[in-house]
Amino acid sequence: MTTAKQKILIAEVTARLETADKVEELLSDYGHVVRNEPGNEAFVCYRVDGQREKFVVYEIYADEAAFQAHLSAPENATLNAALAPLVEGNGSTLTFLQRVD
């Protein structure tokens, strides 16, 4: 069940075609770390069906403070540095969501 305080988002990233499997590995490993962060309620990574280089990550944090702690964690900087040469553009695109009832 979602609450008004939760921070919910999707992150989209496009790997260079030749690095897609490495990006999947990095995101999968990172998911294990993030799911153990205090305040993380979901971190689920998907590949877009039929586009093996495109990834979507669905994330839920208990609140803004938990999300900010996630962003400032050293593992986040490590992941972004590792992804930088493997992906198109400037890394991931974040879309923040609000539940509609």
PDB file of N, CA and C in Angstrom:
ATOM      1  N   MET A   1       0.839  -1.181   0.000  1.00  0.00           N
ATOM      2  CA  MET A   1       0.000   0.000   0.000  1.00  0.00           C
ATOM      3  C   MET A   1       0.886   1.247   0.000  1.00  0.00           C
ATOM      4  N   THR A   2       0.605   2.167  -0.871  1.00  0.00           N
ATOM      5  CA  THR A   2       1.402   3.382  -0.944  1.00  0.00           C
ATOM      6  C   THR A   2       0.825   4.451  -0.027  1.00  0.00           C
ATOM      7  N   THR A   3       1.714   5.344   0.407  1.00  0.00           N
ATOM      8  CA  THR A   3       1.303   6.457   1.250  1.00  0.00           C
ATOM      9  C   THR A   3       1.788   7.754   0.620  1.00  0.00           C
ATOM     10  N   ALA A   4       1.237   8.862   1.084  1.00  0.00           N
ATOM     11  CA  ALA A   4       1.605  10.171   0.540  1.00  0.00           C
ATOM     12  C   ALA A   4       3.069  10.503   0.792  1.00  0.00           C
ATOM     13  N   LYS A   5       3.653   9.949   1.847  1.00  0.00           N
ATOM     14  CA  LYS A   5       5.038  10.257   2.179  1.00  0.00           C
ATOM     15  C   LYS A   5       6.052   9.527   1.302  1.00  0.00           C
ATOM     16  N   GLN A   6       5.649   8.417   0.705  1.00  0.00           N
ATOM     17  CA  GLN A   6       6.592   7.608  -0.064  1.00  0.00           C
ATOM     18  C   GLN A   6       7.138   8.365  -1.275  1.00  0.00           C
ATOM     19  N   LYS A   7       8.374   8.049  -1.611  1.00  0.00           N
ATOM     20  CA  LYS A   7       9.020   8.559  -2.824  1.00  0.00           C
ATOM     21  C   LYS A   7       9.051   7.383  -3.792  1.00  0.00           C
ATOM     22  N   ILE A   8       8.309   7.524  -4.905  1.00  0.00           N
ATOM     23  CA  ILE A   8       8.170   6.433  -5.870  1.00  0.00           C
ATOM     24  C   ILE A   8       8.660   6.937  -7.219  1.00  0.00           C
ATOM     25  N   LEU A   9       9.475   6.130  -7.875  1.00  0.00           N
ATOM     26  CA  LEU A   9      10.015   6.562  -9.151  1.00  0.00           C
ATOM     27  C   LEU A   9      10.363   5.391 -10.038  1.00  0.00           C
ATOM     28  N   ILE A  10      10.534   5.723 -11.315  1.00  0.00           N
ATOM     29  CA  ILE A  10      11.137   4.784 -12.243  1.00  0.00           C
ATOM     30  C   ILE A  10      12.393   5.451 -12.790  1.00  0.00           C
ATOM     31  N   ALA A  11      13.416   4.652 -12.946  1.00  0.00           N
ATOM     32  CA  ALA A  11      14.667   5.102 -13.560  1.00  0.00           C
ATOM     33  C   ALA A  11      14.819   4.313 -14.848  1.00  0.00           C
ATOM     34  N   GLU A  12      15.072   5.028 -15.934  1.00  0.00           N
ATOM     35  CA  GLU A  12      15.248   4.381 -17.225  1.00  0.00           C
ATOM     36  C   GLU A  12      16.674   4.611 -17.707  1.00  0.00           C
ATOM     37  N   VAL A  13      17.273   3.557 -18.214  1.00  0.00           N
ATOM     38  CA  VAL A  13      18.644   3.654 -18.713  1.00  0.00           C
ATOM     39  C   VAL A  13      18.756   2.825 -19.990  1.00  0.00           C
ATOM     40  N   THR A  14      19.515   3.342 -20.935  1.00  0.00           N
ATOM     41  CA  THR A  14      19.757   2.635 -22.193  1.00  0.00           C
ATOM     42  C   THR A  14      21.238   2.322 -22.293  1.00  0.00           C
ATOM     43  N   ALA A  15      21.534   1.042 -22.305  1.00  0.00           N
ATOM     44  CA  ALA A  15      22.920   0.583 -22.431  1.00  0.00           C
ATOM     45  C   ALA A  15      23.359   0.655 -23.887  1.00  0.00           C
ATOM     46  N   ARG A  16      24.649   0.777 -24.098  1.00  0.00           N
ATOM     47  CA  ARG A  16      25.182   0.558 -25.435  1.00  0.00           C
ATOM     48  C   ARG A  16      24.945  -0.930 -25.720  1.00  0.00           C
ATOM     49  N   LEU A  17      24.552  -1.249 -26.921  1.00  0.00           N
ATOM     50  CA  LEU A  17      24.138  -2.619 -27.224  1.00  0.00           C
ATOM     51  C   LEU A  17      25.181  -3.649 -26.790  1.00  0.00           C
ATOM     52  N   GLU A  18      26.439  -3.342 -27.011  1.00  0.00           N
ATOM     53  CA  GLU A  18      27.496  -4.313 -26.677  1.00  0.00           C
ATOM     54  C   GLU A  18      27.753  -4.411 -25.170  1.00  0.00           C
ATOM     55  N   THR A  19      27.190  -3.514 -24.376  1.00  0.00           N
ATOM     56  CA  THR A  19      27.418  -3.539 -22.924  1.00  0.00           C
ATOM     57  C   THR A  19      26.161  -3.907 -22.141  1.00  0.00           C
ATOM     58  N   ALA A  20      25.086  -4.280 -22.832  1.00  0.00           N
ATOM     59  CA  ALA A  20      23.800  -4.519 -22.171  1.00  0.00           C
ATOM     60  C   ALA A  20      23.882  -5.590 -21.083  1.00  0.00           C
ATOM     61  N   ASP A  21      24.602  -6.661 -21.336  1.00  0.00           N
ATOM     62  CA  ASP A  21      24.691  -7.725 -20.334  1.00  0.00           C
ATOM     63  C   ASP A  21      25.458  -7.257 -19.099  1.00  0.00           C
ATOM     64  N   LYS A  22      26.488  -6.456 -19.283  1.00  0.00           N
ATOM     65  CA  LYS A  22      27.245  -5.908 -18.150  1.00  0.00           C
ATOM     66  C   LYS A  22      26.370  -4.953 -17.344  1.00  0.00           C
ATOM     67  N   VAL A  23      25.573  -4.128 -18.024  1.00  0.00           N
ATOM     68  CA  VAL A  23      24.661  -3.214 -17.328  1.00  0.00           C
ATOM     69  C   VAL A  23      23.656  -4.017 -16.504  1.00  0.00           C
ATOM     70  N   GLU A  24      23.126  -5.080 -17.085  1.00  0.00           N
ATOM     71  CA  GLU A  24      22.200  -5.932 -16.324  1.00  0.00           C
ATOM     72  C   GLU A  24      22.864  -6.471 -15.064  1.00  0.00           C
ATOM     73  N   GLU A  25      24.078  -6.931 -15.194  1.00  0.00           N
ATOM     74  CA  GLU A  25      24.815  -7.473 -14.043  1.00  0.00           C
ATOM     75  C   GLU A  25      25.011  -6.400 -12.962  1.00  0.00           C
ATOM     76  N   LEU A  26      25.422  -5.207 -13.366  1.00  0.00           N
ATOM     77  CA  LEU A  26      25.633  -4.123 -12.407  1.00  0.00           C
ATOM     78  C   LEU A  26      24.334  -3.745 -11.694  1.00  0.00           C
ATOM     79  N   LEU A  27      23.235  -3.627 -12.451  1.00  0.00           N
ATOM     80  CA  LEU A  27      21.954  -3.263 -11.843  1.00  0.00           C
ATOM     81  C   LEU A  27      21.455  -4.357 -10.902  1.00  0.00           C
ATOM     82  N   SER A  28      21.639  -5.600 -11.298  1.00  0.00           N
ATOM     83  CA  SER A  28      21.224  -6.715 -10.448  1.00  0.00           C
ATOM     84  C   SER A  28      21.995  -6.724  -9.135  1.00  0.00           C
ATOM     85  N   ASP A  29      23.309  -6.574  -9.222  1.00  0.00           N
ATOM     86  CA  ASP A  29      24.135  -6.541  -8.007  1.00  0.00           C
ATOM     87  C   ASP A  29      23.767  -5.353  -7.126  1.00  0.00           C
ATOM     88  N   TYR A  30      23.551  -4.214  -7.751  1.00  0.00           N
ATOM     89  CA  TYR A  30      23.190  -2.999  -7.015  1.00  0.00           C
ATOM     90  C   TYR A  30      21.832  -3.159  -6.331  1.00  0.00           C
ATOM     91  N   GLY A  31      20.926  -3.845  -6.980  1.00  0.00           N
ATOM     92  CA  GLY A  31      19.610  -4.082  -6.382  1.00  0.00           C
ATOM     93  C   GLY A  31      19.696  -4.781  -5.041  1.00  0.00           C
ATOM     94  N   HIS A  32      20.618  -5.736  -4.916  1.00  0.00           N
ATOM     95  CA  HIS A  32      20.794  -6.437  -3.637  1.00  0.00           C
ATOM     96  C   HIS A  32      21.222  -5.464  -2.542  1.00  0.00           C
ATOM     97  N   VAL A  33      22.037  -4.499  -2.901  1.00  0.00           N
ATOM     98  CA  VAL A  33      22.504  -3.491  -1.948  1.00  0.00           C
ATOM     99  C   VAL A  33      21.351  -2.561  -1.556  1.00  0.00           C
ATOM    100  N   VAL A  34      20.657  -2.031  -2.552  1.00  0.00           N
ATOM    101  CA  VAL A  34      19.606  -1.042  -2.299  1.00  0.00           C
ATOM    102  C   VAL A  34      18.468  -1.641  -1.485  1.00  0.00           C
ATOM    103  N   ARG A  35      18.084  -2.863  -1.775  1.00  0.00           N
ATOM    104  CA  ARG A  35      16.980  -3.481  -1.031  1.00  0.00           C
ATOM    105  C   ARG A  35      17.293  -3.655   0.449  1.00  0.00           C
ATOM    106  N   ASN A  36      18.561  -3.542   0.821  1.00  0.00           N
ATOM    107  CA  ASN A  36      18.952  -3.617   2.237  1.00  0.00           C
ATOM    108  C   ASN A  36      19.121  -2.249   2.874  1.00  0.00           C
ATOM    109  N   GLU A  37      18.924  -1.173   2.116  1.00  0.00           N
ATOM    110  CA  GLU A  37      19.028   0.169   2.682  1.00  0.00           C
ATOM    111  C   GLU A  37      17.826   0.456   3.582  1.00  0.00           C
ATOM    112  N   PRO A  38      18.050   1.137   4.701  1.00  0.00           N
ATOM    113  CA  PRO A  38      16.911   1.546   5.528  1.00  0.00           C
ATOM    114  C   PRO A  38      15.984   2.442   4.708  1.00  0.00           C
ATOM    115  N   GLY A  39      14.703   2.173   4.773  1.00  0.00           N
ATOM    116  CA  GLY A  39      13.730   2.995   4.065  1.00  0.00           C
ATOM    117  C   GLY A  39      13.459   2.582   2.636  1.00  0.00           C
ATOM    118  N   ASN A  40      14.208   1.615   2.102  1.00  0.00           N
ATOM    119  CA  ASN A  40      13.891   1.139   0.757  1.00  0.00           C
ATOM    120  C   ASN A  40      12.770   0.115   0.868  1.00  0.00           C
ATOM    121  N   GLU A  41      11.744   0.287   0.050  1.00  0.00           N
ATOM    122  CA  GLU A  41      10.603  -0.630   0.059  1.00  0.00           C
ATOM    123  C   GLU A  41      10.513  -1.449  -1.217  1.00  0.00           C
ATOM    124  N   ALA A  42      11.178  -0.999  -2.272  1.00  0.00           N
ATOM    125  CA  ALA A  42      11.209  -1.773  -3.526  1.00  0.00           C
ATOM    126  C   ALA A  42      12.329  -1.252  -4.414  1.00  0.00           C
ATOM    127  N   PHE A  43      12.983  -2.168  -5.074  1.00  0.00           N
ATOM    128  CA  PHE A  43      13.960  -1.863  -6.119  1.00  0.00           C
ATOM    129  C   PHE A  43      13.924  -3.060  -7.057  1.00  0.00           C
ATOM    130  N   VAL A  44      13.214  -2.891  -8.181  1.00  0.00           N
ATOM    131  CA  VAL A  44      13.016  -3.994  -9.114  1.00  0.00           C
ATOM    132  C   VAL A  44      13.445  -3.531 -10.495  1.00  0.00           C
ATOM    133  N   CYS A  45      14.372  -4.282 -11.085  1.00  0.00           N
ATOM    134  CA  CYS A  45      14.916  -3.920 -12.394  1.00  0.00           C
ATOM    135  C   CYS A  45      14.302  -4.808 -13.468  1.00  0.00           C
ATOM    136  N   TYR A  46      13.939  -4.171 -14.586  1.00  0.00           N
ATOM    137  CA  TYR A  46      13.357  -4.866 -15.726  1.00  0.00           C
ATOM    138  C   TYR A  46      14.140  -4.521 -16.987  1.00  0.00           C
ATOM    139  N   ARG A  47      14.165  -5.457 -17.919  1.00  0.00           N
ATOM    140  CA  ARG A  47      14.603  -5.172 -19.279  1.00  0.00           C
ATOM    141  C   ARG A  47      13.338  -4.949 -20.096  1.00  0.00           C
ATOM    142  N   VAL A  48      13.368  -3.996 -21.006  1.00  0.00           N
ATOM    143  CA  VAL A  48      12.214  -3.736 -21.857  1.00  0.00           C
ATOM    144  C   VAL A  48      12.105  -4.875 -22.872  1.00  0.00           C
ATOM    145  N   ASP A  49      10.945  -5.483 -22.939  1.00  0.00           N
ATOM    146  CA  ASP A  49      10.710  -6.613 -23.828  1.00  0.00           C
ATOM    147  C   ASP A  49      11.008  -6.224 -25.278  1.00  0.00           C
ATOM    148  N   GLY A  50      11.887  -6.980 -25.912  1.00  0.00           N
ATOM    149  CA  GLY A  50      12.225  -6.742 -27.307  1.00  0.00           C
ATOM    150  C   GLY A  50      13.302  -5.685 -27.524  1.00  0.00           C
ATOM    151  N   GLN A  51      13.773  -5.057 -26.444  1.00  0.00           N
ATOM    152  CA  GLN A  51      14.834  -4.040 -26.549  1.00  0.00           C
ATOM    153  C   GLN A  51      15.854  -4.318 -25.446  1.00  0.00           C
ATOM    154  N   ARG A  52      16.718  -5.270 -25.680  1.00  0.00           N
ATOM    155  CA  ARG A  52      17.610  -5.784 -24.636  1.00  0.00           C
ATOM    156  C   ARG A  52      18.539  -4.747 -24.032  1.00  0.00           C
ATOM    157  N   GLU A  53      18.696  -3.597 -24.689  1.00  0.00           N
ATOM    158  CA  GLU A  53      19.577  -2.559 -24.161  1.00  0.00           C
ATOM    159  C   GLU A  53      18.848  -1.580 -23.243  1.00  0.00           C
ATOM    160  N   LYS A  54      17.521  -1.683 -23.154  1.00  0.00           N
ATOM    161  CA  LYS A  54      16.740  -0.729 -22.353  1.00  0.00           C
ATOM    162  C   LYS A  54      16.319  -1.360 -21.028  1.00  0.00           C
ATOM    163  N   PHE A  55      16.531  -0.591 -19.964  1.00  0.00           N
ATOM    164  CA  PHE A  55      16.215  -1.049 -18.611  1.00  0.00           C
ATOM    165  C   PHE A  55      15.307  -0.046 -17.920  1.00  0.00           C
ATOM    166  N   VAL A  56      14.424  -0.574 -17.095  1.00  0.00           N
ATOM    167  CA  VAL A  56      13.557   0.247 -16.262  1.00  0.00           C
ATOM    168  C   VAL A  56      13.673  -0.286 -14.837  1.00  0.00           C
ATOM    169  N   VAL A  57      13.916   0.627 -13.894  1.00  0.00           N
ATOM    170  CA  VAL A  57      14.011   0.242 -12.484  1.00  0.00           C
ATOM    171  C   VAL A  57      12.879   0.936 -11.739  1.00  0.00           C
ATOM    172  N   TYR A  58      12.076   0.156 -11.018  1.00  0.00           N
ATOM    173  CA  TYR A  58      10.971   0.661 -10.217  1.00  0.00           C
ATOM    174  C   TYR A  58      11.456   0.722  -8.772  1.00  0.00           C
ATOM    175  N   GLU A  59      11.350   1.906  -8.169  1.00  0.00           N
ATOM    176  CA  GLU A  59      11.882   2.114  -6.823  1.00  0.00           C
ATOM    177  C   GLU A  59      10.842   2.766  -5.918  1.00  0.00           C
ATOM    178  N   ILE A  60      10.798   2.312  -4.675  1.00  0.00           N
ATOM    179  CA  ILE A  60       9.953   2.943  -3.660  1.00  0.00           C
ATOM    180  C   ILE A  60      10.798   3.134  -2.401  1.00  0.00           C
ATOM    181  N   TYR A  61      10.725   4.351  -1.854  1.00  0.00           N
ATOM    182  CA  TYR A  61      11.393   4.686  -0.593  1.00  0.00           C
ATOM    183  C   TYR A  61      10.330   5.164   0.384  1.00  0.00           C
ATOM    184  N   ALA A  62      10.551   4.934   1.650  1.00  0.00           N
ATOM    185  CA  ALA A  62       9.562   5.262   2.678  1.00  0.00           C
ATOM    186  C   ALA A  62       9.194   6.741   2.673  1.00  0.00           C
ATOM    187  N   ASP A  63      10.184   7.581   2.374  1.00  0.00           N
ATOM    188  CA  ASP A  63       9.947   9.025   2.380  1.00  0.00           C
ATOM    189  C   ASP A  63      11.123   9.728   1.701  1.00  0.00           C
ATOM    190  N   GLU A  64      11.053  11.047   1.647  1.00  0.00           N
ATOM    191  CA  GLU A  64      12.109  11.833   1.003  1.00  0.00           C
ATOM    192  C   GLU A  64      13.465  11.613   1.666  1.00  0.00           C
ATOM    193  N   ALA A  65      13.481  11.519   2.994  1.00  0.00           N
ATOM    194  CA  ALA A  65      14.747  11.319   3.710  1.00  0.00           C
ATOM    195  C   ALA A  65      15.401   9.999   3.307  1.00  0.00           C
ATOM    196  N   ALA A  66      14.614   8.941   3.182  1.00  0.00           N
ATOM    197  CA  ALA A  66      15.163   7.643   2.768  1.00  0.00           C
ATOM    198  C   ALA A  66      15.706   7.718   1.343  1.00  0.00           C
ATOM    199  N   PHE A  67      15.006   8.443   0.471  1.00  0.00           N
ATOM    200  CA  PHE A  67      15.473   8.608  -0.902  1.00  0.00           C
ATOM    201  C   PHE A  67      16.779   9.399  -0.938  1.00  0.00           C
ATOM    202  N   GLN A  68      16.854  10.471  -0.163  1.00  0.00           N
ATOM    203  CA  GLN A  68      18.078  11.276  -0.126  1.00  0.00           C
ATOM    204  C   GLN A  68      19.249  10.471   0.431  1.00  0.00           C
ATOM    205  N   ALA A  69      18.988   9.639   1.438  1.00  0.00           N
ATOM    206  CA  ALA A  69      20.042   8.770   1.983  1.00  0.00           C
ATOM    207  C   ALA A  69      20.520   7.797   0.903  1.00  0.00           C
ATOM    208  N   HIS A  70      19.589   7.281   0.117  1.00  0.00           N
ATOM    209  CA  HIS A  70      19.947   6.392  -0.996  1.00  0.00           C
ATOM    210  C   HIS A  70      20.858   7.113  -1.990  1.00  0.00           C
ATOM    211  N   LEU A  71      20.473   8.336  -2.352  1.00  0.00           N
ATOM    212  CA  LEU A  71      21.266   9.096  -3.319  1.00  0.00           C
ATOM    213  C   LEU A  71      22.675   9.393  -2.816  1.00  0.00           C
ATOM    214  N   SER A  72      22.807   9.629  -1.521  1.00  0.00           N
ATOM    215  CA  SER A  72      24.112  10.002  -0.964  1.00  0.00           C
ATOM    216  C   SER A  72      24.962   8.800  -0.546  1.00  0.00           C
ATOM    217  N   ALA A  73      24.424   7.595  -0.666  1.00  0.00           N
ATOM    218  CA  ALA A  73      25.193   6.392  -0.310  1.00  0.00           C
ATOM    219  C   ALA A  73      26.375   6.237  -1.267  1.00  0.00           C
ATOM    220  N   PRO A  74      27.539   5.846  -0.773  1.00  0.00           N
ATOM    221  CA  PRO A  74      28.717   5.695  -1.637  1.00  0.00           C
ATOM    222  C   PRO A  74      28.504   4.677  -2.760  1.00  0.00           C
ATOM    223  N   GLU A  75      27.673   3.676  -2.519  1.00  0.00           N
ATOM    224  CA  GLU A  75      27.411   2.668  -3.550  1.00  0.00           C
ATOM    225  C   GLU A  75      26.706   3.279  -4.766  1.00  0.00           C
ATOM    226  N   ASN A  76      25.911   4.324  -4.527  1.00  0.00           N
ATOM    227  CA  ASN A  76      25.229   4.996  -5.641  1.00  0.00           C
ATOM    228  C   ASN A  76      26.253   5.662  -6.557  1.00  0.00           C
ATOM    229  N   ALA A  77      27.212   6.350  -5.978  1.00  0.00           N
ATOM    230  CA  ALA A  77      28.263   6.993  -6.778  1.00  0.00           C
ATOM    231  C   ALA A  77      29.097   5.942  -7.508  1.00  0.00           C
ATOM    232  N   THR A  78      29.380   4.841  -6.850  1.00  0.00           N
ATOM    233  CA  THR A  78      30.151   3.761  -7.467  1.00  0.00           C
ATOM    234  C   THR A  78      29.413   3.190  -8.668  1.00  0.00           C
ATOM    235  N   LEU A  79      28.106   2.940  -8.509  1.00  0.00           N
ATOM    236  CA  LEU A  79      27.323   2.418  -9.628  1.00  0.00           C
ATOM    237  C   LEU A  79      27.320   3.405 -10.786  1.00  0.00           C
ATOM    238  N   ASN A  80      27.044   4.663 -10.507  1.00  0.00           N
ATOM    239  CA  ASN A  80      26.968   5.646 -11.586  1.00  0.00           C
ATOM    240  C   ASN A  80      28.292   5.783 -12.330  1.00  0.00           C
ATOM    241  N   ALA A  81      29.399   5.700 -11.621  1.00  0.00           N
ATOM    242  CA  ALA A  81      30.709   5.756 -12.275  1.00  0.00           C
ATOM    243  C   ALA A  81      30.936   4.531 -13.158  1.00  0.00           C
ATOM    244  N   ALA A  82      30.497   3.371 -12.682  1.00  0.00           N
ATOM    245  CA  ALA A  82      30.661   2.142 -13.468  1.00  0.00           C
ATOM    246  C   ALA A  82      29.762   2.146 -14.696  1.00  0.00           C
ATOM    247  N   LEU A  83      28.559   2.710 -14.569  1.00  0.00           N
ATOM    248  CA  LEU A  83      27.615   2.733 -15.687  1.00  0.00           C
ATOM    249  C   LEU A  83      27.983   3.753 -16.756  1.00  0.00           C
ATOM    250  N   ALA A  84      28.613   4.854 -16.361  1.00  0.00           N
ATOM    251  CA  ALA A  84      28.843   5.980 -17.280  1.00  0.00           C
ATOM    252  C   ALA A  84      29.396   5.573 -18.645  1.00  0.00           C
ATOM    253  N   PRO A  85      30.436   4.757 -18.725  1.00  0.00           N
ATOM    254  CA  PRO A  85      30.953   4.419 -20.066  1.00  0.00           C
ATOM    255  C   PRO A  85      30.141   3.331 -20.784  1.00  0.00           C
ATOM    256  N   LEU A  86      29.151   2.769 -20.095  1.00  0.00           N
ATOM    257  CA  LEU A  86      28.399   1.639 -20.650  1.00  0.00           C
ATOM    258  C   LEU A  86      27.030   2.025 -21.205  1.00  0.00           C
ATOM    259  N   VAL A  87      26.595   3.261 -20.932  1.00  0.00           N
ATOM    260  CA  VAL A  87      25.233   3.658 -21.291  1.00  0.00           C
ATOM    261  C   VAL A  87      25.218   4.855 -22.237  1.00  0.00           C
ATOM    262  N   GLU A  88      24.074   5.031 -22.874  1.00  0.00           N
ATOM    263  CA  GLU A  88      23.855   6.166 -23.762  1.00  0.00           C
ATOM    264  C   GLU A  88      23.491   7.390 -22.929  1.00  0.00           C
ATOM    265  N   GLY A  89      23.814   8.563 -23.417  1.00  0.00           N
ATOM    266  CA  GLY A  89      23.397   9.795 -22.756  1.00  0.00           C
ATOM    267  C   GLY A  89      24.095  10.015 -21.431  1.00  0.00           C
ATOM    268  N   ASN A  90      23.379  10.660 -20.533  1.00  0.00           N
ATOM    269  CA  ASN A  90      23.945  11.042 -19.235  1.00  0.00           C
ATOM    270  C   ASN A  90      23.494  10.121 -18.114  1.00  0.00           C
ATOM    271  N   GLY A  91      23.377   8.856 -18.361  1.00  0.00           N
ATOM    272  CA  GLY A  91      22.965   7.916 -17.329  1.00  0.00           C
ATOM    273  C   GLY A  91      21.472   7.690 -17.344  1.00  0.00           C
ATOM    274  N   SER A  92      20.870   7.631 -16.171  1.00  0.00           N
ATOM    275  CA  SER A  92      19.456   7.298 -16.094  1.00  0.00           C
ATOM    276  C   SER A  92      18.573   8.540 -16.114  1.00  0.00           C
ATOM    277  N   THR A  93      17.359   8.326 -16.588  1.00  0.00           N
ATOM    278  CA  THR A  93      16.328   9.349 -16.560  1.00  0.00           C
ATOM    279  C   THR A  93      15.343   8.966 -15.470  1.00  0.00           C
ATOM    280  N   LEU A  94      15.093   9.881 -14.535  1.00  0.00           N
ATOM    281  CA  LEU A  94      14.199   9.595 -13.423  1.00  0.00           C
ATOM    282  C   LEU A  94      12.833  10.207 -13.682  1.00  0.00           C
ATOM    283  N   THR A  95      11.801   9.423 -13.400  1.00  0.00           N
ATOM    284  CA  THR A  95      10.418   9.894 -13.455  1.00  0.00           C
ATOM    285  C   THR A  95       9.794   9.609 -12.106  1.00  0.00           C
ATOM    286  N   PHE A  96       9.363  10.658 -11.416  1.00  0.00           N
ATOM    287  CA  PHE A  96       8.751  10.511 -10.102  1.00  0.00           C
ATOM    288  C   PHE A  96       7.249  10.331 -10.272  1.00  0.00           C
ATOM    289  N   LEU A  97       6.679   9.447  -9.482  1.00  0.00           N
ATOM    290  CA  LEU A  97       5.282   9.049  -9.627  1.00  0.00           C
ATOM    291  C   LEU A  97       4.466   9.483  -8.414  1.00  0.00           C
ATOM    292  N   GLN A  98       3.218   9.798  -8.656  1.00  0.00           N
ATOM    293  CA  GLN A  98       2.244  10.027  -7.601  1.00  0.00           C
ATOM    294  C   GLN A  98       1.065   9.113  -7.862  1.00  0.00           C
ATOM    295  N   ARG A  99       0.632   8.448  -6.814  1.00  0.00           N
ATOM    296  CA  ARG A  99      -0.495   7.523  -6.952  1.00  0.00           C
ATOM    297  C   ARG A  99      -1.785   8.307  -7.218  1.00  0.00           C
ATOM    298  N   VAL A 100      -2.587   7.749  -8.119  1.00  0.00           N
ATOM    299  CA  VAL A 100      -3.892   8.309  -8.437  1.00  0.00           C
ATOM    300  C   VAL A 100      -4.937   7.259  -8.054  1.00  0.00           C
ATOM    301  N   ASP A 101      -5.863   7.638  -7.232  1.00  0.00           N
ATOM    302  CA  ASP A 101      -6.935   6.700  -6.827  1.00  0.00           C
ATOM    303  C   ASP A 101      -8.199   6.969  -7.605  1.00  0.00           C
TER     304      ASP A 101
END
